[in-house]
Amino acid sequence: MSSTQSILKAITSPNWQADQAEKVALFLHGFGSNEEDLPALAQVLPEGMQWASLRAPVSLAPTQHAWFHITEPGNPDPIALEQATDAIWRWVDTTLAPHSVVVPIGFSQGGLMASQLLRTRPERVMAPVILGGFVAGGSMPADEQLSTQRPAVFSGRGMEDRVIHPAAVTRTEEWLPGHTTPTIRNYSGLAHGINAEELIDVREFLALSISE
């Protein structure tokens, strides 16, 4: 059985009760990292919100994983991207209650995956957060629906970020206003990372966007 056919490994919040959660934050790490990278971001979540941090399916090294291999920066292979997206949805469908929705919070390549969840099954997604990430080119199954519904999305990046290809950044800046109600923040002096100012902005965004 291939890695994209198996259930992703994850670590979860101390109050984890998957069958009872109506909203679950999903932390999606970046290229070459792992599921232990982002749980510190739980500080931005509404009090008591359950979360899970997923390990990407492609193993690069014992503690380094990716959602897909990088073949062309900013332009992921469509098949590999679809497989990674399916792997996350397989975890959701297998682990969470059918009525629950996910709040994907992803960094870099994980930010792309957060946008992919929205663009494939928006009825199961709320208030995605894209940190130093981008959106894929081409059309996705729910793009037309999103252009009408305009769900809330947070997108933040460092103004000194030289990791994400400029064309992918431009694509994201053009796609978001046409398909979502975006909160877009650019942070002076920040490279490819997350700073305290951004965490404050994400906390405020989630507090406003996730209705109880």
N, C-alpha and C. Protein backbone atom coordinates (compact mmCIF):
# COMPACT_ATOMS: atom_id res chain seq x y z
N MET A 1 0.86 -1.19 0.00
CA MET A 1 0.00 0.00 0.00
C MET A 1 0.89 1.23 0.00
N SER A 2 0.67 2.17 -0.92
CA SER A 2 1.49 3.37 -1.02
C SER A 2 1.13 4.34 0.08
N SER A 3 2.03 5.35 0.29
CA SER A 3 1.81 6.31 1.36
C SER A 3 0.56 7.12 1.15
N THR A 4 0.19 7.38 -0.13
CA THR A 4 -1.01 8.16 -0.38
C THR A 4 -2.28 7.32 -0.25
N GLN A 5 -2.15 6.01 -0.07
CA GLN A 5 -3.31 5.16 0.12
C GLN A 5 -3.53 4.84 1.60
N SER A 6 -2.56 5.12 2.43
CA SER A 6 -2.69 4.85 3.85
C SER A 6 -3.17 6.09 4.57
N ILE A 7 -3.52 5.95 5.85
CA ILE A 7 -3.99 7.07 6.64
C ILE A 7 -2.79 7.82 7.21
N LEU A 8 -2.79 9.11 7.05
CA LEU A 8 -1.68 9.92 7.51
C LEU A 8 -1.51 9.83 9.02
N LYS A 9 -0.28 9.90 9.47
CA LYS A 9 -0.01 9.97 10.89
C LYS A 9 -0.27 11.39 11.39
N ALA A 10 -0.64 11.50 12.67
CA ALA A 10 -0.98 12.81 13.22
C ALA A 10 -0.76 12.83 14.71
N ILE A 11 -0.54 14.02 15.24
CA ILE A 11 -0.62 14.24 16.68
C ILE A 11 -1.80 15.17 16.93
N THR A 12 -2.41 15.04 18.07
CA THR A 12 -3.66 15.75 18.31
C THR A 12 -3.64 16.51 19.63
N SER A 13 -4.62 17.39 19.80
CA SER A 13 -4.70 18.21 21.00
C SER A 13 -5.01 17.36 22.23
N PRO A 14 -4.64 17.83 23.42
CA PRO A 14 -4.90 17.07 24.66
C PRO A 14 -6.37 16.76 24.89
N ASN A 15 -7.26 17.63 24.38
CA ASN A 15 -8.70 17.43 24.59
C ASN A 15 -9.35 16.68 23.43
N TRP A 16 -8.58 15.90 22.71
CA TRP A 16 -9.04 15.27 21.48
C TRP A 16 -10.20 14.31 21.70
N GLN A 17 -11.32 14.60 21.06
CA GLN A 17 -12.49 13.72 21.00
C GLN A 17 -13.07 13.86 19.60
N ALA A 18 -12.50 13.17 18.67
CA ALA A 18 -12.80 13.38 17.26
C ALA A 18 -14.27 13.21 16.92
N ASP A 19 -14.94 12.31 17.59
CA ASP A 19 -16.33 12.04 17.25
C ASP A 19 -17.27 13.13 17.75
N GLN A 20 -16.77 14.05 18.57
CA GLN A 20 -17.63 15.10 19.13
C GLN A 20 -17.30 16.50 18.62
N ALA A 21 -16.23 16.64 17.89
CA ALA A 21 -15.79 17.98 17.46
C ALA A 21 -16.57 18.46 16.25
N GLU A 22 -17.12 19.65 16.35
CA GLU A 22 -17.80 20.26 15.20
C GLU A 22 -16.81 20.98 14.30
N LYS A 23 -15.75 21.56 14.90
CA LYS A 23 -14.72 22.25 14.15
C LYS A 23 -13.36 21.78 14.64
N VAL A 24 -12.50 21.41 13.71
CA VAL A 24 -11.17 20.91 14.05
C VAL A 24 -10.14 21.67 13.23
N ALA A 25 -9.16 22.24 13.90
CA ALA A 25 -8.05 22.88 13.19
C ALA A 25 -7.09 21.80 12.69
N LEU A 26 -6.67 21.93 11.44
CA LEU A 26 -5.68 21.01 10.87
C LEU A 26 -4.41 21.79 10.60
N PHE A 27 -3.33 21.41 11.26
CA PHE A 27 -2.04 22.02 11.00
C PHE A 27 -1.33 21.23 9.90
N LEU A 28 -0.90 21.94 8.86
CA LEU A 28 -0.29 21.32 7.69
C LEU A 28 1.10 21.91 7.49
N HIS A 29 2.12 21.13 7.78
CA HIS A 29 3.49 21.64 7.80
C HIS A 29 4.04 21.86 6.39
N GLY A 30 5.20 22.49 6.33
CA GLY A 30 5.83 22.78 5.06
C GLY A 30 6.75 21.68 4.58
N PHE A 31 7.36 21.90 3.43
CA PHE A 31 8.26 20.94 2.80
C PHE A 31 9.47 20.67 3.70
N GLY A 32 9.76 19.40 3.92
CA GLY A 32 10.92 19.02 4.69
C GLY A 32 10.74 19.08 6.20
N SER A 33 9.51 19.26 6.65
CA SER A 33 9.26 19.32 8.09
C SER A 33 8.43 18.11 8.51
N ASN A 34 7.71 18.22 9.63
CA ASN A 34 6.91 17.10 10.10
C ASN A 34 5.79 17.61 11.00
N GLU A 35 5.01 16.68 11.52
CA GLU A 35 3.81 17.02 12.28
C GLU A 35 4.08 17.70 13.60
N GLU A 36 5.32 17.72 14.04
CA GLU A 36 5.66 18.39 15.30
C GLU A 36 5.98 19.87 15.13
N ASP A 37 5.96 20.35 13.91
CA ASP A 37 6.40 21.71 13.61
C ASP A 37 5.40 22.80 14.01
N LEU A 38 4.12 22.56 13.81
CA LEU A 38 3.13 23.64 13.94
C LEU A 38 2.21 23.62 15.16
N PRO A 39 2.17 22.57 15.98
CA PRO A 39 1.25 22.60 17.11
C PRO A 39 1.39 23.81 18.04
N ALA A 40 2.55 24.46 18.05
CA ALA A 40 2.69 25.68 18.85
C ALA A 40 1.71 26.76 18.40
N LEU A 41 1.23 26.65 17.17
CA LEU A 41 0.26 27.63 16.67
C LEU A 41 -1.12 27.46 17.31
N ALA A 42 -1.29 26.43 18.12
CA ALA A 42 -2.57 26.26 18.82
C ALA A 42 -2.92 27.48 19.66
N GLN A 43 -1.92 28.30 19.98
CA GLN A 43 -2.18 29.51 20.75
C GLN A 43 -3.10 30.49 20.04
N VAL A 44 -3.22 30.39 18.71
CA VAL A 44 -4.07 31.32 17.97
C VAL A 44 -5.52 30.84 17.89
N LEU A 45 -5.79 29.62 18.31
CA LEU A 45 -7.13 29.05 18.17
C LEU A 45 -8.07 29.55 19.25
N PRO A 46 -9.36 29.61 18.96
CA PRO A 46 -10.33 29.88 20.01
C PRO A 46 -10.18 28.88 21.14
N GLU A 47 -10.42 29.32 22.35
CA GLU A 47 -10.22 28.49 23.53
C GLU A 47 -10.99 27.17 23.43
N GLY A 48 -10.28 26.08 23.68
CA GLY A 48 -10.89 24.76 23.70
C GLY A 48 -11.03 24.08 22.35
N MET A 49 -10.64 24.76 21.29
CA MET A 49 -10.79 24.17 19.96
C MET A 49 -9.83 23.00 19.79
N GLN A 50 -10.34 21.89 19.30
CA GLN A 50 -9.52 20.73 19.07
C GLN A 50 -8.68 20.90 17.80
N TRP A 51 -7.52 20.24 17.78
CA TRP A 51 -6.67 20.33 16.61
C TRP A 51 -5.94 19.02 16.36
N ALA A 52 -5.51 18.88 15.12
CA ALA A 52 -4.67 17.75 14.72
C ALA A 52 -3.59 18.28 13.81
N SER A 53 -2.38 17.77 13.97
CA SER A 53 -1.26 18.15 13.11
C SER A 53 -0.85 16.93 12.31
N LEU A 54 -0.97 17.03 10.99
CA LEU A 54 -0.78 15.87 10.12
C LEU A 54 0.65 15.79 9.59
N ARG A 55 1.11 14.57 9.41
CA ARG A 55 2.39 14.33 8.76
C ARG A 55 2.15 14.11 7.26
N ALA A 56 2.85 14.88 6.44
CA ALA A 56 2.70 14.74 4.99
C ALA A 56 3.13 13.34 4.54
N PRO A 57 2.59 12.87 3.42
CA PRO A 57 2.77 11.46 3.04
C PRO A 57 4.10 11.11 2.40
N VAL A 58 4.84 12.09 1.88
CA VAL A 58 6.09 11.79 1.18
C VAL A 58 7.26 11.90 2.15
N SER A 59 7.99 10.82 2.34
CA SER A 59 9.13 10.81 3.24
C SER A 59 10.40 11.21 2.49
N LEU A 60 11.06 12.26 2.98
CA LEU A 60 12.32 12.72 2.40
C LEU A 60 13.50 12.21 3.20
N ALA A 61 13.31 12.07 4.52
CA ALA A 61 14.31 11.59 5.47
C ALA A 61 13.53 11.20 6.72
N PRO A 62 14.19 10.59 7.71
CA PRO A 62 13.45 10.11 8.88
C PRO A 62 12.53 11.14 9.54
N THR A 63 12.92 12.40 9.60
CA THR A 63 12.06 13.40 10.23
C THR A 63 11.66 14.51 9.26
N GLN A 64 11.82 14.25 7.97
CA GLN A 64 11.50 15.25 6.96
C GLN A 64 10.48 14.69 5.98
N HIS A 65 9.40 15.43 5.82
CA HIS A 65 8.31 14.95 4.98
C HIS A 65 7.78 16.08 4.09
N ALA A 66 7.07 15.71 3.07
CA ALA A 66 6.53 16.69 2.12
C ALA A 66 5.18 16.20 1.61
N TRP A 67 4.38 17.14 1.17
CA TRP A 67 3.10 16.78 0.58
C TRP A 67 3.29 16.27 -0.84
N PHE A 68 4.36 16.74 -1.49
CA PHE A 68 4.73 16.25 -2.81
C PHE A 68 6.15 16.73 -3.10
N HIS A 69 6.81 16.07 -4.03
CA HIS A 69 8.14 16.49 -4.45
C HIS A 69 8.04 17.77 -5.28
N ILE A 70 9.03 18.63 -5.15
CA ILE A 70 9.06 19.86 -5.93
C ILE A 70 9.75 19.58 -7.25
N THR A 71 9.00 19.68 -8.34
CA THR A 71 9.57 19.48 -9.67
C THR A 71 9.79 20.81 -10.38
N GLU A 72 8.87 21.73 -10.20
CA GLU A 72 8.99 23.09 -10.73
C GLU A 72 8.48 24.05 -9.66
N PRO A 73 9.36 24.87 -9.10
CA PRO A 73 8.95 25.76 -8.00
C PRO A 73 7.71 26.59 -8.36
N GLY A 74 6.72 26.53 -7.47
CA GLY A 74 5.49 27.30 -7.67
C GLY A 74 4.47 26.63 -8.56
N ASN A 75 4.84 25.51 -9.18
CA ASN A 75 3.93 24.80 -10.09
C ASN A 75 3.97 23.30 -9.79
N PRO A 76 3.25 22.88 -8.77
CA PRO A 76 3.27 21.45 -8.41
C PRO A 76 2.67 20.58 -9.50
N ASP A 77 3.18 19.37 -9.59
CA ASP A 77 2.63 18.39 -10.52
C ASP A 77 1.17 18.13 -10.16
N PRO A 78 0.23 18.28 -11.10
CA PRO A 78 -1.20 18.15 -10.77
C PRO A 78 -1.56 16.80 -10.16
N ILE A 79 -0.95 15.72 -10.65
CA ILE A 79 -1.28 14.40 -10.11
C ILE A 79 -0.79 14.27 -8.68
N ALA A 80 0.44 14.73 -8.42
CA ALA A 80 0.98 14.66 -7.07
C ALA A 80 0.17 15.53 -6.11
N LEU A 81 -0.27 16.68 -6.59
CA LEU A 81 -1.09 17.56 -5.76
C LEU A 81 -2.44 16.93 -5.44
N GLU A 82 -3.03 16.30 -6.43
CA GLU A 82 -4.30 15.61 -6.21
C GLU A 82 -4.14 14.47 -5.21
N GLN A 83 -3.06 13.73 -5.31
CA GLN A 83 -2.82 12.63 -4.38
C GLN A 83 -2.66 13.14 -2.95
N ALA A 84 -1.93 14.24 -2.79
CA ALA A 84 -1.75 14.81 -1.46
C ALA A 84 -3.06 15.31 -0.89
N THR A 85 -3.86 15.94 -1.72
CA THR A 85 -5.17 16.43 -1.28
C THR A 85 -6.06 15.27 -0.87
N ASP A 86 -6.06 14.23 -1.67
CA ASP A 86 -6.87 13.05 -1.36
C ASP A 86 -6.42 12.41 -0.04
N ALA A 87 -5.11 12.43 0.22
CA ALA A 87 -4.60 11.84 1.45
C ALA A 87 -5.14 12.57 2.68
N ILE A 88 -5.22 13.89 2.60
CA ILE A 88 -5.77 14.66 3.72
C ILE A 88 -7.24 14.36 3.89
N TRP A 89 -7.97 14.34 2.79
CA TRP A 89 -9.40 14.08 2.90
C TRP A 89 -9.67 12.65 3.39
N ARG A 90 -8.81 11.73 3.05
CA ARG A 90 -8.97 10.36 3.55
C ARG A 90 -8.83 10.33 5.08
N TRP A 91 -7.87 11.11 5.59
CA TRP A 91 -7.70 11.20 7.04
C TRP A 91 -8.93 11.83 7.67
N VAL A 92 -9.43 12.90 7.08
CA VAL A 92 -10.61 13.58 7.61
C VAL A 92 -11.81 12.63 7.64
N ASP A 93 -12.06 11.98 6.52
CA ASP A 93 -13.24 11.12 6.41
C ASP A 93 -13.15 9.91 7.34
N THR A 94 -11.95 9.44 7.58
CA THR A 94 -11.75 8.27 8.42
C THR A 94 -11.75 8.62 9.90
N THR A 95 -11.28 9.81 10.24
CA THR A 95 -11.03 10.17 11.63
C THR A 95 -12.13 11.01 12.26
N LEU A 96 -12.68 11.94 11.51
CA LEU A 96 -13.63 12.90 12.08
C LEU A 96 -15.06 12.50 11.83
N ALA A 97 -15.95 13.08 12.61
CA ALA A 97 -17.37 12.83 12.43
C ALA A 97 -17.84 13.43 11.11
N PRO A 98 -18.85 12.84 10.49
CA PRO A 98 -19.30 13.32 9.18
C PRO A 98 -19.77 14.78 9.19
N HIS A 99 -20.22 15.26 10.34
CA HIS A 99 -20.76 16.62 10.39
C HIS A 99 -19.69 17.67 10.67
N SER A 100 -18.48 17.26 11.00
CA SER A 100 -17.46 18.21 11.41
C SER A 100 -16.86 18.94 10.20
N VAL A 101 -16.35 20.14 10.46
CA VAL A 101 -15.64 20.90 9.43
C VAL A 101 -14.21 21.12 9.91
N VAL A 102 -13.31 21.37 8.96
CA VAL A 102 -11.91 21.57 9.31
C VAL A 102 -11.52 23.02 9.05
N VAL A 103 -10.62 23.50 9.89
CA VAL A 103 -10.04 24.83 9.73
C VAL A 103 -8.56 24.59 9.42
N PRO A 104 -8.20 24.53 8.13
CA PRO A 104 -6.82 24.20 7.78
C PRO A 104 -5.89 25.40 7.97
N ILE A 105 -4.78 25.16 8.64
CA ILE A 105 -3.78 26.20 8.88
C ILE A 105 -2.45 25.63 8.39
N GLY A 106 -1.97 26.16 7.27
CA GLY A 106 -0.80 25.58 6.65
C GLY A 106 0.30 26.58 6.40
N PHE A 107 1.54 26.10 6.51
CA PHE A 107 2.71 26.93 6.24
C PHE A 107 3.42 26.45 4.98
N SER A 108 3.75 27.38 4.08
CA SER A 108 4.51 27.10 2.88
C SER A 108 3.77 26.06 2.03
N GLN A 109 4.37 24.89 1.77
CA GLN A 109 3.67 23.87 1.00
C GLN A 109 2.37 23.47 1.70
N GLY A 110 2.37 23.50 3.03
CA GLY A 110 1.14 23.23 3.77
C GLY A 110 0.09 24.30 3.56
N GLY A 111 0.52 25.54 3.30
CA GLY A 111 -0.43 26.60 2.98
C GLY A 111 -1.13 26.32 1.67
N LEU A 112 -0.37 25.81 0.70
CA LEU A 112 -0.98 25.39 -0.56
C LEU A 112 -2.03 24.31 -0.30
N MET A 113 -1.70 23.35 0.58
CA MET A 113 -2.65 22.29 0.86
C MET A 113 -3.91 22.81 1.54
N ALA A 114 -3.76 23.83 2.38
CA ALA A 114 -4.95 24.45 2.99
C ALA A 114 -5.86 25.00 1.92
N SER A 115 -5.28 25.65 0.91
CA SER A 115 -6.10 26.18 -0.17
C SER A 115 -6.71 25.07 -1.01
N GLN A 116 -5.99 23.95 -1.15
CA GLN A 116 -6.53 22.83 -1.92
C GLN A 116 -7.76 22.23 -1.26
N LEU A 117 -7.76 22.15 0.06
CA LEU A 117 -8.94 21.63 0.75
C LEU A 117 -10.15 22.52 0.45
N LEU A 118 -9.94 23.82 0.47
CA LEU A 118 -11.03 24.75 0.18
C LEU A 118 -11.50 24.59 -1.26
N ARG A 119 -10.59 24.38 -2.17
CA ARG A 119 -10.91 24.35 -3.59
C ARG A 119 -11.46 23.00 -4.06
N THR A 120 -11.50 22.03 -3.17
CA THR A 120 -12.02 20.71 -3.55
C THR A 120 -13.31 20.37 -2.81
N ARG A 121 -13.39 20.69 -1.51
CA ARG A 121 -14.60 20.37 -0.75
C ARG A 121 -14.92 21.52 0.21
N PRO A 122 -15.33 22.65 -0.31
CA PRO A 122 -15.54 23.84 0.53
C PRO A 122 -16.61 23.67 1.59
N GLU A 123 -17.54 22.75 1.38
CA GLU A 123 -18.59 22.53 2.38
C GLU A 123 -18.01 21.95 3.67
N ARG A 124 -16.82 21.43 3.61
CA ARG A 124 -16.19 20.80 4.78
C ARG A 124 -15.08 21.68 5.37
N VAL A 125 -14.93 22.91 4.84
CA VAL A 125 -13.81 23.77 5.21
C VAL A 125 -14.32 25.11 5.72
N MET A 126 -13.64 25.63 6.76
CA MET A 126 -13.98 26.95 7.29
C MET A 126 -12.69 27.72 7.56
N ALA A 127 -12.66 28.98 7.15
CA ALA A 127 -11.61 29.95 7.51
C ALA A 127 -10.19 29.42 7.35
N PRO A 128 -9.81 28.95 6.16
CA PRO A 128 -8.44 28.48 5.97
C PRO A 128 -7.42 29.59 6.16
N VAL A 129 -6.25 29.20 6.66
CA VAL A 129 -5.16 30.14 6.92
C VAL A 129 -3.94 29.69 6.11
N ILE A 130 -3.47 30.57 5.24
CA ILE A 130 -2.33 30.29 4.37
C ILE A 130 -1.17 31.16 4.84
N LEU A 131 -0.12 30.53 5.35
CA LEU A 131 1.03 31.24 5.90
C LEU A 131 2.25 30.99 5.02
N GLY A 132 2.70 32.03 4.33
CA GLY A 132 3.85 31.87 3.45
C GLY A 132 3.63 30.85 2.36
N GLY A 133 2.39 30.70 1.91
CA GLY A 133 2.06 29.69 0.91
C GLY A 133 1.58 30.30 -0.38
N PHE A 134 0.84 29.52 -1.14
CA PHE A 134 0.35 29.99 -2.43
C PHE A 134 -0.78 29.07 -2.89
N VAL A 135 -1.43 29.44 -3.99
CA VAL A 135 -2.45 28.58 -4.57
C VAL A 135 -1.93 28.01 -5.88
N ALA A 136 -2.42 26.84 -6.24
CA ALA A 136 -2.00 26.18 -7.47
C ALA A 136 -2.66 26.84 -8.68
N GLY A 137 -2.00 26.72 -9.82
CA GLY A 137 -2.57 27.22 -11.05
C GLY A 137 -3.63 26.28 -11.59
N GLY A 138 -4.36 26.75 -12.57
CA GLY A 138 -5.41 25.94 -13.16
C GLY A 138 -6.69 25.99 -12.36
N SER A 139 -7.72 25.35 -12.87
CA SER A 139 -9.01 25.34 -12.20
C SER A 139 -9.13 24.11 -11.30
N MET A 140 -9.87 24.28 -10.20
CA MET A 140 -10.13 23.20 -9.26
C MET A 140 -11.64 22.99 -9.17
N PRO A 141 -12.08 21.84 -8.66
CA PRO A 141 -13.49 21.48 -8.70
C PRO A 141 -14.46 22.51 -8.15
N ALA A 142 -14.05 23.23 -7.10
CA ALA A 142 -15.00 24.13 -6.44
C ALA A 142 -14.75 25.61 -6.73
N ASP A 143 -13.88 25.92 -7.68
CA ASP A 143 -13.55 27.32 -7.92
C ASP A 143 -14.77 28.17 -8.29
N GLU A 144 -15.61 27.64 -9.13
CA GLU A 144 -16.79 28.40 -9.54
C GLU A 144 -17.71 28.64 -8.34
N GLN A 145 -17.89 27.64 -7.52
CA GLN A 145 -18.70 27.77 -6.31
C GLN A 145 -18.10 28.83 -5.38
N LEU A 146 -16.80 28.81 -5.22
CA LEU A 146 -16.14 29.76 -4.33
C LEU A 146 -16.29 31.19 -4.83
N SER A 147 -16.27 31.39 -6.14
CA SER A 147 -16.39 32.74 -6.67
C SER A 147 -17.74 33.35 -6.35
N THR A 148 -18.71 32.51 -6.03
CA THR A 148 -20.03 33.00 -5.63
C THR A 148 -20.15 33.12 -4.12
N GLN A 149 -19.64 32.14 -3.39
CA GLN A 149 -19.78 32.12 -1.94
C GLN A 149 -18.79 33.04 -1.22
N ARG A 150 -17.60 33.20 -1.74
CA ARG A 150 -16.56 34.08 -1.18
C ARG A 150 -16.30 33.83 0.31
N PRO A 151 -15.84 32.65 0.69
CA PRO A 151 -15.56 32.37 2.10
C PRO A 151 -14.36 33.16 2.61
N ALA A 152 -14.29 33.33 3.92
CA ALA A 152 -13.18 34.04 4.54
C ALA A 152 -11.91 33.22 4.47
N VAL A 153 -10.80 33.88 4.08
CA VAL A 153 -9.48 33.24 4.01
C VAL A 153 -8.45 34.23 4.52
N PHE A 154 -7.47 33.72 5.28
CA PHE A 154 -6.34 34.54 5.72
C PHE A 154 -5.12 34.14 4.91
N SER A 155 -4.40 35.13 4.39
CA SER A 155 -3.14 34.88 3.69
C SER A 155 -2.10 35.87 4.19
N GLY A 156 -1.02 35.35 4.76
CA GLY A 156 0.04 36.20 5.25
C GLY A 156 1.40 35.73 4.74
N ARG A 157 2.28 36.68 4.48
CA ARG A 157 3.62 36.32 4.02
C ARG A 157 4.61 37.40 4.39
N GLY A 158 5.88 37.03 4.48
CA GLY A 158 6.94 37.96 4.75
C GLY A 158 7.34 38.71 3.49
N MET A 159 7.57 39.99 3.61
CA MET A 159 7.96 40.78 2.46
C MET A 159 9.38 40.44 1.99
N GLU A 160 10.14 39.76 2.84
CA GLU A 160 11.49 39.34 2.47
C GLU A 160 11.55 37.86 2.09
N ASP A 161 10.39 37.25 1.88
CA ASP A 161 10.33 35.83 1.53
C ASP A 161 10.85 35.63 0.11
N ARG A 162 11.92 34.85 -0.02
CA ARG A 162 12.48 34.56 -1.34
C ARG A 162 12.32 33.07 -1.68
N VAL A 163 11.54 32.35 -0.90
CA VAL A 163 11.38 30.91 -1.12
C VAL A 163 10.28 30.62 -2.13
N ILE A 164 9.12 31.24 -1.95
CA ILE A 164 8.00 31.00 -2.86
C ILE A 164 8.24 31.75 -4.16
N HIS A 165 8.08 31.07 -5.29
CA HIS A 165 8.35 31.67 -6.59
C HIS A 165 7.46 32.90 -6.81
N PRO A 166 8.02 34.00 -7.31
CA PRO A 166 7.22 35.23 -7.51
C PRO A 166 5.97 35.01 -8.34
N ALA A 167 6.03 34.15 -9.34
CA ALA A 167 4.83 33.90 -10.16
C ALA A 167 3.72 33.27 -9.34
N ALA A 168 4.08 32.41 -8.38
CA ALA A 168 3.08 31.78 -7.51
C ALA A 168 2.48 32.81 -6.55
N VAL A 169 3.30 33.75 -6.11
CA VAL A 169 2.80 34.82 -5.24
C VAL A 169 1.80 35.68 -6.00
N THR A 170 2.15 36.07 -7.23
CA THR A 170 1.25 36.87 -8.06
C THR A 170 -0.05 36.13 -8.33
N ARG A 171 0.04 34.86 -8.65
CA ARG A 171 -1.14 34.04 -8.90
C ARG A 171 -2.07 34.04 -7.68
N THR A 172 -1.49 33.90 -6.51
CA THR A 172 -2.27 33.87 -5.27
C THR A 172 -2.96 35.20 -5.02
N GLU A 173 -2.23 36.28 -5.23
CA GLU A 173 -2.80 37.62 -5.01
C GLU A 173 -3.93 37.92 -5.98
N GLU A 174 -3.89 37.29 -7.14
CA GLU A 174 -4.97 37.48 -8.12
C GLU A 174 -6.15 36.55 -7.85
N TRP A 175 -5.85 35.32 -7.40
CA TRP A 175 -6.91 34.34 -7.20
C TRP A 175 -7.76 34.65 -5.98
N LEU A 176 -7.16 35.03 -4.89
CA LEU A 176 -7.89 35.20 -3.63
C LEU A 176 -9.05 36.20 -3.73
N PRO A 177 -8.85 37.41 -4.24
CA PRO A 177 -9.98 38.35 -4.29
C PRO A 177 -11.11 37.92 -5.21
N GLY A 178 -10.80 37.08 -6.18
CA GLY A 178 -11.83 36.63 -7.11
C GLY A 178 -12.63 35.44 -6.63
N HIS A 179 -12.17 34.78 -5.56
CA HIS A 179 -12.84 33.56 -5.10
C HIS A 179 -13.15 33.54 -3.60
N THR A 180 -12.60 34.48 -2.86
CA THR A 180 -12.79 34.47 -1.41
C THR A 180 -13.00 35.88 -0.90
N THR A 181 -13.23 35.97 0.39
CA THR A 181 -13.20 37.26 1.09
C THR A 181 -11.90 37.24 1.89
N PRO A 182 -10.82 37.73 1.30
CA PRO A 182 -9.50 37.51 1.90
C PRO A 182 -9.11 38.57 2.91
N THR A 183 -8.38 38.13 3.91
CA THR A 183 -7.61 39.01 4.79
C THR A 183 -6.16 38.78 4.42
N ILE A 184 -5.55 39.76 3.77
CA ILE A 184 -4.19 39.62 3.25
C ILE A 184 -3.26 40.52 4.04
N ARG A 185 -2.20 39.93 4.57
CA ARG A 185 -1.23 40.68 5.36
C ARG A 185 0.19 40.37 4.85
N ASN A 186 0.98 41.43 4.68
CA ASN A 186 2.39 41.31 4.33
C ASN A 186 3.22 41.94 5.44
N TYR A 187 4.28 41.24 5.86
CA TYR A 187 5.01 41.64 7.06
C TYR A 187 6.43 42.09 6.72
N SER A 188 6.69 43.34 7.02
CA SER A 188 7.99 43.92 6.77
C SER A 188 9.07 43.23 7.59
N GLY A 189 10.20 42.94 6.95
CA GLY A 189 11.32 42.34 7.65
C GLY A 189 11.23 40.84 7.86
N LEU A 190 10.12 40.24 7.49
CA LEU A 190 9.93 38.79 7.68
C LEU A 190 10.30 38.06 6.41
N ALA A 191 11.11 37.01 6.53
CA ALA A 191 11.45 36.17 5.40
C ALA A 191 10.44 35.01 5.32
N HIS A 192 10.92 33.80 5.06
CA HIS A 192 10.01 32.66 4.93
C HIS A 192 9.78 32.07 6.31
N GLY A 193 8.86 32.65 7.03
CA GLY A 193 8.59 32.23 8.40
C GLY A 193 7.33 32.86 8.92
N ILE A 194 7.15 32.79 10.24
CA ILE A 194 5.97 33.32 10.92
C ILE A 194 6.47 34.14 12.10
N ASN A 195 5.93 35.34 12.27
CA ASN A 195 6.36 36.14 13.41
C ASN A 195 5.20 36.43 14.36
N ALA A 196 5.48 37.12 15.45
CA ALA A 196 4.48 37.37 16.48
C ALA A 196 3.34 38.23 15.96
N GLU A 197 3.66 39.20 15.12
CA GLU A 197 2.61 40.06 14.56
C GLU A 197 1.62 39.26 13.74
N GLU A 198 2.13 38.32 12.97
CA GLU A 198 1.25 37.49 12.16
C GLU A 198 0.37 36.60 13.03
N LEU A 199 0.92 36.07 14.11
CA LEU A 199 0.12 35.24 15.01
C LEU A 199 -1.04 36.03 15.61
N ILE A 200 -0.80 37.28 15.94
CA ILE A 200 -1.87 38.13 16.47
C ILE A 200 -2.96 38.31 15.42
N ASP A 201 -2.54 38.55 14.18
CA ASP A 201 -3.50 38.74 13.10
C ASP A 201 -4.31 37.47 12.84
N VAL A 202 -3.64 36.32 12.89
CA VAL A 202 -4.35 35.06 12.67
C VAL A 202 -5.35 34.81 13.80
N ARG A 203 -4.95 35.08 15.02
CA ARG A 203 -5.86 34.91 16.15
C ARG A 203 -7.12 35.77 15.98
N GLU A 204 -6.93 37.01 15.59
CA GLU A 204 -8.07 37.91 15.39
C GLU A 204 -8.95 37.43 14.24
N PHE A 205 -8.31 36.97 13.16
CA PHE A 205 -9.06 36.46 12.01
C PHE A 205 -9.93 35.27 12.41
N LEU A 206 -9.34 34.33 13.12
CA LEU A 206 -10.09 33.14 13.52
C LEU A 206 -11.21 33.48 14.49
N ALA A 207 -10.95 34.40 15.41
CA ALA A 207 -11.99 34.79 16.36
C ALA A 207 -13.20 35.37 15.66
N LEU A 208 -12.96 36.10 14.58
CA LEU A 208 -14.06 36.71 13.83
C LEU A 208 -14.72 35.75 12.85
N SER A 209 -13.94 34.81 12.32
CA SER A 209 -14.42 33.98 11.20
C SER A 209 -15.04 32.67 11.63
N ILE A 210 -14.72 32.20 12.82
CA ILE A 210 -15.27 30.91 13.27
C ILE A 210 -16.41 31.20 14.24
N SER A 211 -17.61 31.08 13.75
CA SER A 211 -18.77 31.32 14.62
C SER A 211 -19.03 30.10 15.47
N GLU A 212 -19.44 30.35 16.66
CA GLU A 212 -19.72 29.25 17.60
C GLU A 212 -21.13 28.71 17.40
